[in-house]
Structure formats: structure tokens, C-alpha cells
Amino acid sequence: SLELARLRFNAGVGTQTDVITAQT
């Protein structure tokens, strides 16, 4: 889930909130 959240964020289709949530 964290891998996908970072890929989405780096591609501009995800949010920082998604990454923080996945890290937590």
C-alpha cells in the first residue's frame, strides 16, 4: 500500500495524505 501511495503521489494522481496514511 505504501509503495502504491508513493507511486501515485509522485505521478501526481495521489495526495500526501495518502502517503502519510500508508506510512502510519
mmCIF file of all heavy atoms, coordinates in Angstrom:
data_MODEL
# 
_entry.id   MODEL 
# 
loop_
_atom_site.group_PDB 
_atom_site.id 
_atom_site.type_symbol 
_atom_site.label_atom_id 
_atom_site.label_alt_id 
_atom_site.label_comp_id 
_atom_site.label_asym_id 
_atom_site.label_entity_id 
_atom_site.label_seq_id 
_atom_site.pdbx_PDB_ins_code 
_atom_site.Cartn_x 
_atom_site.Cartn_y 
_atom_site.Cartn_z 
_atom_site.occupancy 
_atom_site.B_iso_or_equiv 
_atom_site.pdbx_formal_charge 
_atom_site.auth_seq_id 
_atom_site.auth_comp_id 
_atom_site.auth_asym_id 
_atom_site.auth_atom_id 
_atom_site.pdbx_PDB_model_num 
ATOM 1   N N   . SER A 1 1  ? 0.820  -1.206 0.000   1.00 0.00 ? 1  SER A N   1 
ATOM 2   C CA  . SER A 1 1  ? 0.000  0.000  0.000   1.00 0.00 ? 1  SER A CA  1 
ATOM 3   C C   . SER A 1 1  ? 0.853  1.255  0.000   1.00 0.00 ? 1  SER A C   1 
ATOM 4   O O   . SER A 1 1  ? 0.556  2.235  -0.708  1.00 0.00 ? 1  SER A O   1 
ATOM 5   C CB  . SER A 1 1  ? -0.930 -0.011 1.215   1.00 0.00 ? 1  SER A CB  1 
ATOM 6   O OG  . SER A 1 1  ? -1.682 1.188  1.299   1.00 0.00 ? 1  SER A OG  1 
ATOM 7   N N   . LEU A 1 2  ? 1.942  1.263  0.774   1.00 0.00 ? 2  LEU A N   1 
ATOM 8   C CA  . LEU A 1 2  ? 2.820  2.429  0.798   1.00 0.00 ? 2  LEU A CA  1 
ATOM 9   C C   . LEU A 1 2  ? 3.530  2.599  -0.542  1.00 0.00 ? 2  LEU A C   1 
ATOM 10  O O   . LEU A 1 2  ? 3.707  3.731  -1.024  1.00 0.00 ? 2  LEU A O   1 
ATOM 11  C CB  . LEU A 1 2  ? 3.847  2.276  1.927   1.00 0.00 ? 2  LEU A CB  1 
ATOM 12  C CG  . LEU A 1 2  ? 4.867  3.413  2.067   1.00 0.00 ? 2  LEU A CG  1 
ATOM 13  C CD1 . LEU A 1 2  ? 4.157  4.738  2.295   1.00 0.00 ? 2  LEU A CD1 1 
ATOM 14  C CD2 . LEU A 1 2  ? 5.847  3.111  3.204   1.00 0.00 ? 2  LEU A CD2 1 
ATOM 15  N N   . GLU A 1 3  ? 3.934  1.499  -1.170  1.00 0.00 ? 3  GLU A N   1 
ATOM 16  C CA  . GLU A 1 3  ? 4.564  1.595  -2.483  1.00 0.00 ? 3  GLU A CA  1 
ATOM 17  C C   . GLU A 1 3  ? 3.622  2.262  -3.484  1.00 0.00 ? 3  GLU A C   1 
ATOM 18  O O   . GLU A 1 3  ? 4.026  3.169  -4.237  1.00 0.00 ? 3  GLU A O   1 
ATOM 19  C CB  . GLU A 1 3  ? 4.950  0.202  -2.976  1.00 0.00 ? 3  GLU A CB  1 
ATOM 20  C CG  . GLU A 1 3  ? 6.025  -0.484 -2.146  1.00 0.00 ? 3  GLU A CG  1 
ATOM 21  C CD  . GLU A 1 3  ? 6.264  -1.915 -2.602  1.00 0.00 ? 3  GLU A CD  1 
ATOM 22  O OE1 . GLU A 1 3  ? 5.663  -2.313 -3.626  1.00 0.00 ? 3  GLU A OE1 1 
ATOM 23  O OE2 . GLU A 1 3  ? 7.042  -2.627 -1.941  1.00 0.00 ? 3  GLU A OE2 1 
ATOM 24  N N   . LEU A 1 4  ? 2.373  1.797  -3.498  1.00 0.00 ? 4  LEU A N   1 
ATOM 25  C CA  . LEU A 1 4  ? 1.409  2.362  -4.439  1.00 0.00 ? 4  LEU A CA  1 
ATOM 26  C C   . LEU A 1 4  ? 1.104  3.822  -4.123  1.00 0.00 ? 4  LEU A C   1 
ATOM 27  O O   . LEU A 1 4  ? 0.961  4.645  -5.028  1.00 0.00 ? 4  LEU A O   1 
ATOM 28  C CB  . LEU A 1 4  ? 0.123  1.531  -4.415  1.00 0.00 ? 4  LEU A CB  1 
ATOM 29  C CG  . LEU A 1 4  ? 0.242  0.095  -4.943  1.00 0.00 ? 4  LEU A CG  1 
ATOM 30  C CD1 . LEU A 1 4  ? -1.071 -0.647 -4.774  1.00 0.00 ? 4  LEU A CD1 1 
ATOM 31  C CD2 . LEU A 1 4  ? 0.677  0.100  -6.404  1.00 0.00 ? 4  LEU A CD2 1 
ATOM 32  N N   . ALA A 1 5  ? 1.008  4.150  -2.832  1.00 0.00 ? 5  ALA A N   1 
ATOM 33  C CA  . ALA A 1 5  ? 0.711  5.536  -2.458  1.00 0.00 ? 5  ALA A CA  1 
ATOM 34  C C   . ALA A 1 5  ? 1.815  6.474  -2.915  1.00 0.00 ? 5  ALA A C   1 
ATOM 35  O O   . ALA A 1 5  ? 1.552  7.589  -3.399  1.00 0.00 ? 5  ALA A O   1 
ATOM 36  C CB  . ALA A 1 5  ? 0.513  5.629  -0.953  1.00 0.00 ? 5  ALA A CB  1 
ATOM 37  N N   . ARG A 1 6  ? 3.066  6.039  -2.805  1.00 0.00 ? 6  ARG A N   1 
ATOM 38  C CA  . ARG A 1 6  ? 4.160  6.886  -3.252  1.00 0.00 ? 6  ARG A CA  1 
ATOM 39  C C   . ARG A 1 6  ? 4.196  7.007  -4.772  1.00 0.00 ? 6  ARG A C   1 
ATOM 40  O O   . ARG A 1 6  ? 4.472  8.083  -5.323  1.00 0.00 ? 6  ARG A O   1 
ATOM 41  C CB  . ARG A 1 6  ? 5.483  6.316  -2.733  1.00 0.00 ? 6  ARG A CB  1 
ATOM 42  C CG  . ARG A 1 6  ? 5.737  6.629  -1.269  1.00 0.00 ? 6  ARG A CG  1 
ATOM 43  C CD  . ARG A 1 6  ? 7.029  6.037  -0.790  1.00 0.00 ? 6  ARG A CD  1 
ATOM 44  N NE  . ARG A 1 6  ? 7.328  6.469  0.578   1.00 0.00 ? 6  ARG A NE  1 
ATOM 45  C CZ  . ARG A 1 6  ? 8.180  5.858  1.374   1.00 0.00 ? 6  ARG A CZ  1 
ATOM 46  N NH1 . ARG A 1 6  ? 8.792  4.771  0.954   1.00 0.00 ? 6  ARG A NH1 1 
ATOM 47  N NH2 . ARG A 1 6  ? 8.413  6.320  2.593   1.00 0.00 ? 6  ARG A NH2 1 
ATOM 48  N N   . LEU A 1 7  ? 3.952  5.897  -5.455  1.00 0.00 ? 7  LEU A N   1 
ATOM 49  C CA  . LEU A 1 7  ? 3.905  5.964  -6.910  1.00 0.00 ? 7  LEU A CA  1 
ATOM 50  C C   . LEU A 1 7  ? 2.815  6.920  -7.381  1.00 0.00 ? 7  LEU A C   1 
ATOM 51  O O   . LEU A 1 7  ? 3.030  7.736  -8.291  1.00 0.00 ? 7  LEU A O   1 
ATOM 52  C CB  . LEU A 1 7  ? 3.679  4.567  -7.482  1.00 0.00 ? 7  LEU A CB  1 
ATOM 53  C CG  . LEU A 1 7  ? 4.876  3.592  -7.424  1.00 0.00 ? 7  LEU A CG  1 
ATOM 54  C CD1 . LEU A 1 7  ? 4.449  2.203  -7.862  1.00 0.00 ? 7  LEU A CD1 1 
ATOM 55  C CD2 . LEU A 1 7  ? 6.016  4.096  -8.302  1.00 0.00 ? 7  LEU A CD2 1 
ATOM 56  N N   . ARG A 1 8  ? 1.643  6.846  -6.768  1.00 0.00 ? 8  ARG A N   1 
ATOM 57  C CA  . ARG A 1 8  ? 0.543  7.728  -7.142  1.00 0.00 ? 8  ARG A CA  1 
ATOM 58  C C   . ARG A 1 8  ? 0.876  9.185  -6.832  1.00 0.00 ? 8  ARG A C   1 
ATOM 59  O O   . ARG A 1 8  ? 0.589  10.094 -7.611  1.00 0.00 ? 8  ARG A O   1 
ATOM 60  C CB  . ARG A 1 8  ? -0.727 7.308  -6.399  1.00 0.00 ? 8  ARG A CB  1 
ATOM 61  C CG  . ARG A 1 8  ? -1.347 6.015  -6.919  1.00 0.00 ? 8  ARG A CG  1 
ATOM 62  C CD  . ARG A 1 8  ? -2.431 5.499  -5.980  1.00 0.00 ? 8  ARG A CD  1 
ATOM 63  N NE  . ARG A 1 8  ? -3.427 6.512  -5.716  1.00 0.00 ? 8  ARG A NE  1 
ATOM 64  C CZ  . ARG A 1 8  ? -4.461 6.793  -6.506  1.00 0.00 ? 8  ARG A CZ  1 
ATOM 65  N NH1 . ARG A 1 8  ? -4.639 6.094  -7.628  1.00 0.00 ? 8  ARG A NH1 1 
ATOM 66  N NH2 . ARG A 1 8  ? -5.332 7.737  -6.184  1.00 0.00 ? 8  ARG A NH2 1 
ATOM 67  N N   . PHE A 1 9  ? 1.512  9.408  -5.675  1.00 0.00 ? 9  PHE A N   1 
ATOM 68  C CA  . PHE A 1 9  ? 1.851  10.782 -5.309  1.00 0.00 ? 9  PHE A CA  1 
ATOM 69  C C   . PHE A 1 9  ? 2.911  11.358 -6.248  1.00 0.00 ? 9  PHE A C   1 
ATOM 70  O O   . PHE A 1 9  ? 2.816  12.508 -6.693  1.00 0.00 ? 9  PHE A O   1 
ATOM 71  C CB  . PHE A 1 9  ? 2.348  10.804 -3.865  1.00 0.00 ? 9  PHE A CB  1 
ATOM 72  C CG  . PHE A 1 9  ? 2.802  12.163 -3.396  1.00 0.00 ? 9  PHE A CG  1 
ATOM 73  C CD1 . PHE A 1 9  ? 1.885  13.185 -3.193  1.00 0.00 ? 9  PHE A CD1 1 
ATOM 74  C CD2 . PHE A 1 9  ? 4.154  12.414 -3.188  1.00 0.00 ? 9  PHE A CD2 1 
ATOM 75  C CE1 . PHE A 1 9  ? 2.315  14.436 -2.763  1.00 0.00 ? 9  PHE A CE1 1 
ATOM 76  C CE2 . PHE A 1 9  ? 4.585  13.666 -2.768  1.00 0.00 ? 9  PHE A CE2 1 
ATOM 77  C CZ  . PHE A 1 9  ? 3.661  14.682 -2.542  1.00 0.00 ? 9  PHE A CZ  1 
ATOM 78  N N   . ASN A 1 10 ? 3.929  10.549 -6.567  1.00 0.00 ? 10 ASN A N   1 
ATOM 79  C CA  . ASN A 1 10 ? 4.981  11.030 -7.454  1.00 0.00 ? 10 ASN A CA  1 
ATOM 80  C C   . ASN A 1 10 ? 4.490  11.235 -8.875  1.00 0.00 ? 10 ASN A C   1 
ATOM 81  O O   . ASN A 1 10 ? 5.046  12.059 -9.615  1.00 0.00 ? 10 ASN A O   1 
ATOM 82  C CB  . ASN A 1 10 ? 6.160  10.056 -7.457  1.00 0.00 ? 10 ASN A CB  1 
ATOM 83  C CG  . ASN A 1 10 ? 6.892  10.046 -6.127  1.00 0.00 ? 10 ASN A CG  1 
ATOM 84  O OD1 . ASN A 1 10 ? 6.862  11.021 -5.394  1.00 0.00 ? 10 ASN A OD1 1 
ATOM 85  N ND2 . ASN A 1 10 ? 7.557  8.933  -5.824  1.00 0.00 ? 10 ASN A ND2 1 
ATOM 86  N N   . ALA A 1 11 ? 3.462  10.469 -9.251  1.00 0.00 ? 11 ALA A N   1 
ATOM 87  C CA  . ALA A 1 11 ? 2.882  10.636 -10.581 1.00 0.00 ? 11 ALA A CA  1 
ATOM 88  C C   . ALA A 1 11 ? 1.868  11.760 -10.637 1.00 0.00 ? 11 ALA A C   1 
ATOM 89  O O   . ALA A 1 11 ? 1.350  12.077 -11.718 1.00 0.00 ? 11 ALA A O   1 
ATOM 90  C CB  . ALA A 1 11 ? 2.243  9.326  -11.032 1.00 0.00 ? 11 ALA A CB  1 
ATOM 91  N N   . GLY A 1 12 ? 1.522  12.343 -9.508  1.00 0.00 ? 12 GLY A N   1 
ATOM 92  C CA  . GLY A 1 12 ? 0.596  13.455 -9.474  1.00 0.00 ? 12 GLY A CA  1 
ATOM 93  C C   . GLY A 1 12 ? -0.855 13.076 -9.393  1.00 0.00 ? 12 GLY A C   1 
ATOM 94  O O   . GLY A 1 12 ? -1.734 13.954 -9.484  1.00 0.00 ? 12 GLY A O   1 
ATOM 95  N N   . VAL A 1 13 ? -1.151 11.788 -9.217  1.00 0.00 ? 13 VAL A N   1 
ATOM 96  C CA  . VAL A 1 13 ? -2.551 11.363 -9.134  1.00 0.00 ? 13 VAL A CA  1 
ATOM 97  C C   . VAL A 1 13 ? -2.958 11.027 -7.710  1.00 0.00 ? 13 VAL A C   1 
ATOM 98  O O   . VAL A 1 13 ? -4.115 10.687 -7.468  1.00 0.00 ? 13 VAL A O   1 
ATOM 99  C CB  . VAL A 1 13 ? -2.802 10.151 -10.054 1.00 0.00 ? 13 VAL A CB  1 
ATOM 100 C CG1 . VAL A 1 13 ? -2.598 10.522 -11.510 1.00 0.00 ? 13 VAL A CG1 1 
ATOM 101 C CG2 . VAL A 1 13 ? -1.886 8.985  -9.641  1.00 0.00 ? 13 VAL A CG2 1 
ATOM 102 N N   . GLY A 1 14 ? -2.021 11.063 -6.764  1.00 0.00 ? 14 GLY A N   1 
ATOM 103 C CA  . GLY A 1 14 ? -2.318 10.827 -5.361  1.00 0.00 ? 14 GLY A CA  1 
ATOM 104 C C   . GLY A 1 14 ? -1.999 12.039 -4.523  1.00 0.00 ? 14 GLY A C   1 
ATOM 105 O O   . GLY A 1 14 ? -1.489 13.053 -5.019  1.00 0.00 ? 14 GLY A O   1 
ATOM 106 N N   . THR A 1 15 ? -2.282 11.958 -3.230  1.00 0.00 ? 15 THR A N   1 
ATOM 107 C CA  . THR A 1 15 ? -2.060 13.080 -2.324  1.00 0.00 ? 15 THR A CA  1 
ATOM 108 C C   . THR A 1 15 ? -1.062 12.682 -1.232  1.00 0.00 ? 15 THR A C   1 
ATOM 109 O O   . THR A 1 15 ? -0.801 11.495 -0.998  1.00 0.00 ? 15 THR A O   1 
ATOM 110 C CB  . THR A 1 15 ? -3.374 13.523 -1.671  1.00 0.00 ? 15 THR A CB  1 
ATOM 111 O OG1 . THR A 1 15 ? -3.865 12.453 -0.835  1.00 0.00 ? 15 THR A OG1 1 
ATOM 112 C CG2 . THR A 1 15 ? -4.416 13.885 -2.722  1.00 0.00 ? 15 THR A CG2 1 
ATOM 113 N N   . GLN A 1 16 ? -0.522 13.727 -0.613  1.00 0.00 ? 16 GLN A N   1 
ATOM 114 C CA  . GLN A 1 16 ? 0.387  13.498 0.503   1.00 0.00 ? 16 GLN A CA  1 
ATOM 115 C C   . GLN A 1 16 ? -0.328 12.802 1.647   1.00 0.00 ? 16 GLN A C   1 
ATOM 116 O O   . GLN A 1 16 ? 0.269  12.013 2.383   1.00 0.00 ? 16 GLN A O   1 
ATOM 117 C CB  . GLN A 1 16 ? 0.972  14.833 0.969   1.00 0.00 ? 16 GLN A CB  1 
ATOM 118 C CG  . GLN A 1 16 ? 1.983  14.727 2.090   1.00 0.00 ? 16 GLN A CG  1 
ATOM 119 C CD  . GLN A 1 16 ? 3.309  14.152 1.629   1.00 0.00 ? 16 GLN A CD  1 
ATOM 120 O OE1 . GLN A 1 16 ? 3.516  13.965 0.427   1.00 0.00 ? 16 GLN A OE1 1 
ATOM 121 N NE2 . GLN A 1 16 ? 4.196  13.874 2.560   1.00 0.00 ? 16 GLN A NE2 1 
ATOM 122 N N   . THR A 1 17 ? -1.609 13.077 1.785   1.00 0.00 ? 17 THR A N   1 
ATOM 123 C CA  . THR A 1 17 ? -2.393 12.426 2.842   1.00 0.00 ? 17 THR A CA  1 
ATOM 124 C C   . THR A 1 17 ? -2.403 10.922 2.655   1.00 0.00 ? 17 THR A C   1 
ATOM 125 O O   . THR A 1 17 ? -2.318 10.156 3.629   1.00 0.00 ? 17 THR A O   1 
ATOM 126 C CB  . THR A 1 17 ? -3.826 12.962 2.843   1.00 0.00 ? 17 THR A CB  1 
ATOM 127 O OG1 . THR A 1 17 ? -3.794 14.377 3.047   1.00 0.00 ? 17 THR A OG1 1 
ATOM 128 C CG2 . THR A 1 17 ? -4.658 12.324 3.943   1.00 0.00 ? 17 THR A CG2 1 
ATOM 129 N N   . ASP A 1 18 ? -2.496 10.479 1.384   1.00 0.00 ? 18 ASP A N   1 
ATOM 130 C CA  . ASP A 1 18 ? -2.471 9.035  1.123   1.00 0.00 ? 18 ASP A CA  1 
ATOM 131 C C   . ASP A 1 18 ? -1.149 8.422  1.566   1.00 0.00 ? 18 ASP A C   1 
ATOM 132 O O   . ASP A 1 18 ? -1.117 7.328  2.142   1.00 0.00 ? 18 ASP A O   1 
ATOM 133 C CB  . ASP A 1 18 ? -2.696 8.769  -0.371  1.00 0.00 ? 18 ASP A CB  1 
ATOM 134 C CG  . ASP A 1 18 ? -4.069 9.225  -0.831  1.00 0.00 ? 18 ASP A CG  1 
ATOM 135 O OD1 . ASP A 1 18 ? -4.975 9.299  0.018   1.00 0.00 ? 18 ASP A OD1 1 
ATOM 136 O OD2 . ASP A 1 18 ? -4.223 9.520  -2.032  1.00 0.00 ? 18 ASP A OD2 1 
ATOM 137 N N   . VAL A 1 19 ? -0.043 9.128  1.290   1.00 0.00 ? 19 VAL A N   1 
ATOM 138 C CA  . VAL A 1 19 ? 1.270  8.608  1.679   1.00 0.00 ? 19 VAL A CA  1 
ATOM 139 C C   . VAL A 1 19 ? 1.399  8.548  3.189   1.00 0.00 ? 19 VAL A C   1 
ATOM 140 O O   . VAL A 1 19 ? 1.873  7.565  3.759   1.00 0.00 ? 19 VAL A O   1 
ATOM 141 C CB  . VAL A 1 19 ? 2.385  9.478  1.065   1.00 0.00 ? 19 VAL A CB  1 
ATOM 142 C CG1 . VAL A 1 19 ? 3.759  8.989  1.537   1.00 0.00 ? 19 VAL A CG1 1 
ATOM 143 C CG2 . VAL A 1 19 ? 2.313  9.448  -0.451  1.00 0.00 ? 19 VAL A CG2 1 
ATOM 144 N N   . ILE A 1 20 ? 0.994  9.623  3.875   1.00 0.00 ? 20 ILE A N   1 
ATOM 145 C CA  . ILE A 1 20 ? 1.087  9.653  5.337   1.00 0.00 ? 20 ILE A CA  1 
ATOM 146 C C   . ILE A 1 20 ? 0.234  8.556  5.951   1.00 0.00 ? 20 ILE A C   1 
ATOM 147 O O   . ILE A 1 20 ? 0.650  7.860  6.890   1.00 0.00 ? 20 ILE A O   1 
ATOM 148 C CB  . ILE A 1 20 ? 0.676  11.035 5.859   1.00 0.00 ? 20 ILE A CB  1 
ATOM 149 C CG1 . ILE A 1 20 ? 1.702  12.087 5.416   1.00 0.00 ? 20 ILE A CG1 1 
ATOM 150 C CG2 . ILE A 1 20 ? 0.547  11.030 7.376   1.00 0.00 ? 20 ILE A CG2 1 
ATOM 151 C CD1 . ILE A 1 20 ? 1.325  13.509 5.772   1.00 0.00 ? 20 ILE A CD1 1 
ATOM 152 N N   . THR A 1 21 ? -0.957 8.380  5.426   1.00 0.00 ? 21 THR A N   1 
ATOM 153 C CA  . THR A 1 21 ? -1.838 7.320  5.939   1.00 0.00 ? 21 THR A CA  1 
ATOM 154 C C   . THR A 1 21 ? -1.212 5.946  5.731   1.00 0.00 ? 21 THR A C   1 
ATOM 155 O O   . THR A 1 21 ? -1.245 5.091  6.626   1.00 0.00 ? 21 THR A O   1 
ATOM 156 C CB  . THR A 1 21 ? -3.205 7.390  5.246   1.00 0.00 ? 21 THR A CB  1 
ATOM 157 O OG1 . THR A 1 21 ? -3.789 8.677  5.490   1.00 0.00 ? 21 THR A OG1 1 
ATOM 158 C CG2 . THR A 1 21 ? -4.132 6.310  5.770   1.00 0.00 ? 21 THR A CG2 1 
ATOM 159 N N   . ALA A 1 22 ? -0.620 5.722  4.548   1.00 0.00 ? 22 ALA A N   1 
ATOM 160 C CA  . ALA A 1 22 ? 0.014  4.422  4.277   1.00 0.00 ? 22 ALA A CA  1 
ATOM 161 C C   . ALA A 1 22 ? 1.211  4.200  5.178   1.00 0.00 ? 22 ALA A C   1 
ATOM 162 O O   . ALA A 1 22 ? 1.450  3.083  5.646   1.00 0.00 ? 22 ALA A O   1 
ATOM 163 C CB  . ALA A 1 22 ? 0.424  4.350  2.806   1.00 0.00 ? 22 ALA A CB  1 
ATOM 164 N N   . GLN A 1 23 ? 2.000  5.264  5.438   1.00 0.00 ? 23 GLN A N   1 
ATOM 165 C CA  . GLN A 1 23 ? 3.133  5.132  6.356   1.00 0.00 ? 23 GLN A CA  1 
ATOM 166 C C   . GLN A 1 23 ? 2.669  4.785  7.753   1.00 0.00 ? 23 GLN A C   1 
ATOM 167 O O   . GLN A 1 23 ? 3.262  3.931  8.428   1.00 0.00 ? 23 GLN A O   1 
ATOM 168 C CB  . GLN A 1 23 ? 3.929  6.445  6.381   1.00 0.00 ? 23 GLN A CB  1 
ATOM 169 C CG  . GLN A 1 23 ? 4.722  6.703  5.114   1.00 0.00 ? 23 GLN A CG  1 
ATOM 170 C CD  . GLN A 1 23 ? 5.413  8.056  5.126   1.00 0.00 ? 23 GLN A CD  1 
ATOM 171 O OE1 . GLN A 1 23 ? 6.187  8.380  4.243   1.00 0.00 ? 23 GLN A OE1 1 
ATOM 172 N NE2 . GLN A 1 23 ? 5.132  8.863  6.117   1.00 0.00 ? 23 GLN A NE2 1 
ATOM 173 N N   . THR A 1 24 ? 1.604  5.448  8.215   1.00 0.00 ? 24 THR A N   1 
ATOM 174 C CA  . THR A 1 24 ? 1.072  5.158  9.549   1.00 0.00 ? 24 THR A CA  1 
ATOM 175 C C   . THR A 1 24 ? 0.587  3.724  9.642   1.00 0.00 ? 24 THR A C   1 
ATOM 176 O O   . THR A 1 24 ? 0.827  3.022  10.632  1.00 0.00 ? 24 THR A O   1 
ATOM 177 C CB  . THR A 1 24 ? -0.064 6.127  9.875   1.00 0.00 ? 24 THR A CB  1 
ATOM 178 O OG1 . THR A 1 24 ? 0.404  7.481  9.772   1.00 0.00 ? 24 THR A OG1 1 
ATOM 179 C CG2 . THR A 1 24 ? -0.601 5.889  11.271  1.00 0.00 ? 24 THR A CG2 1 
# 
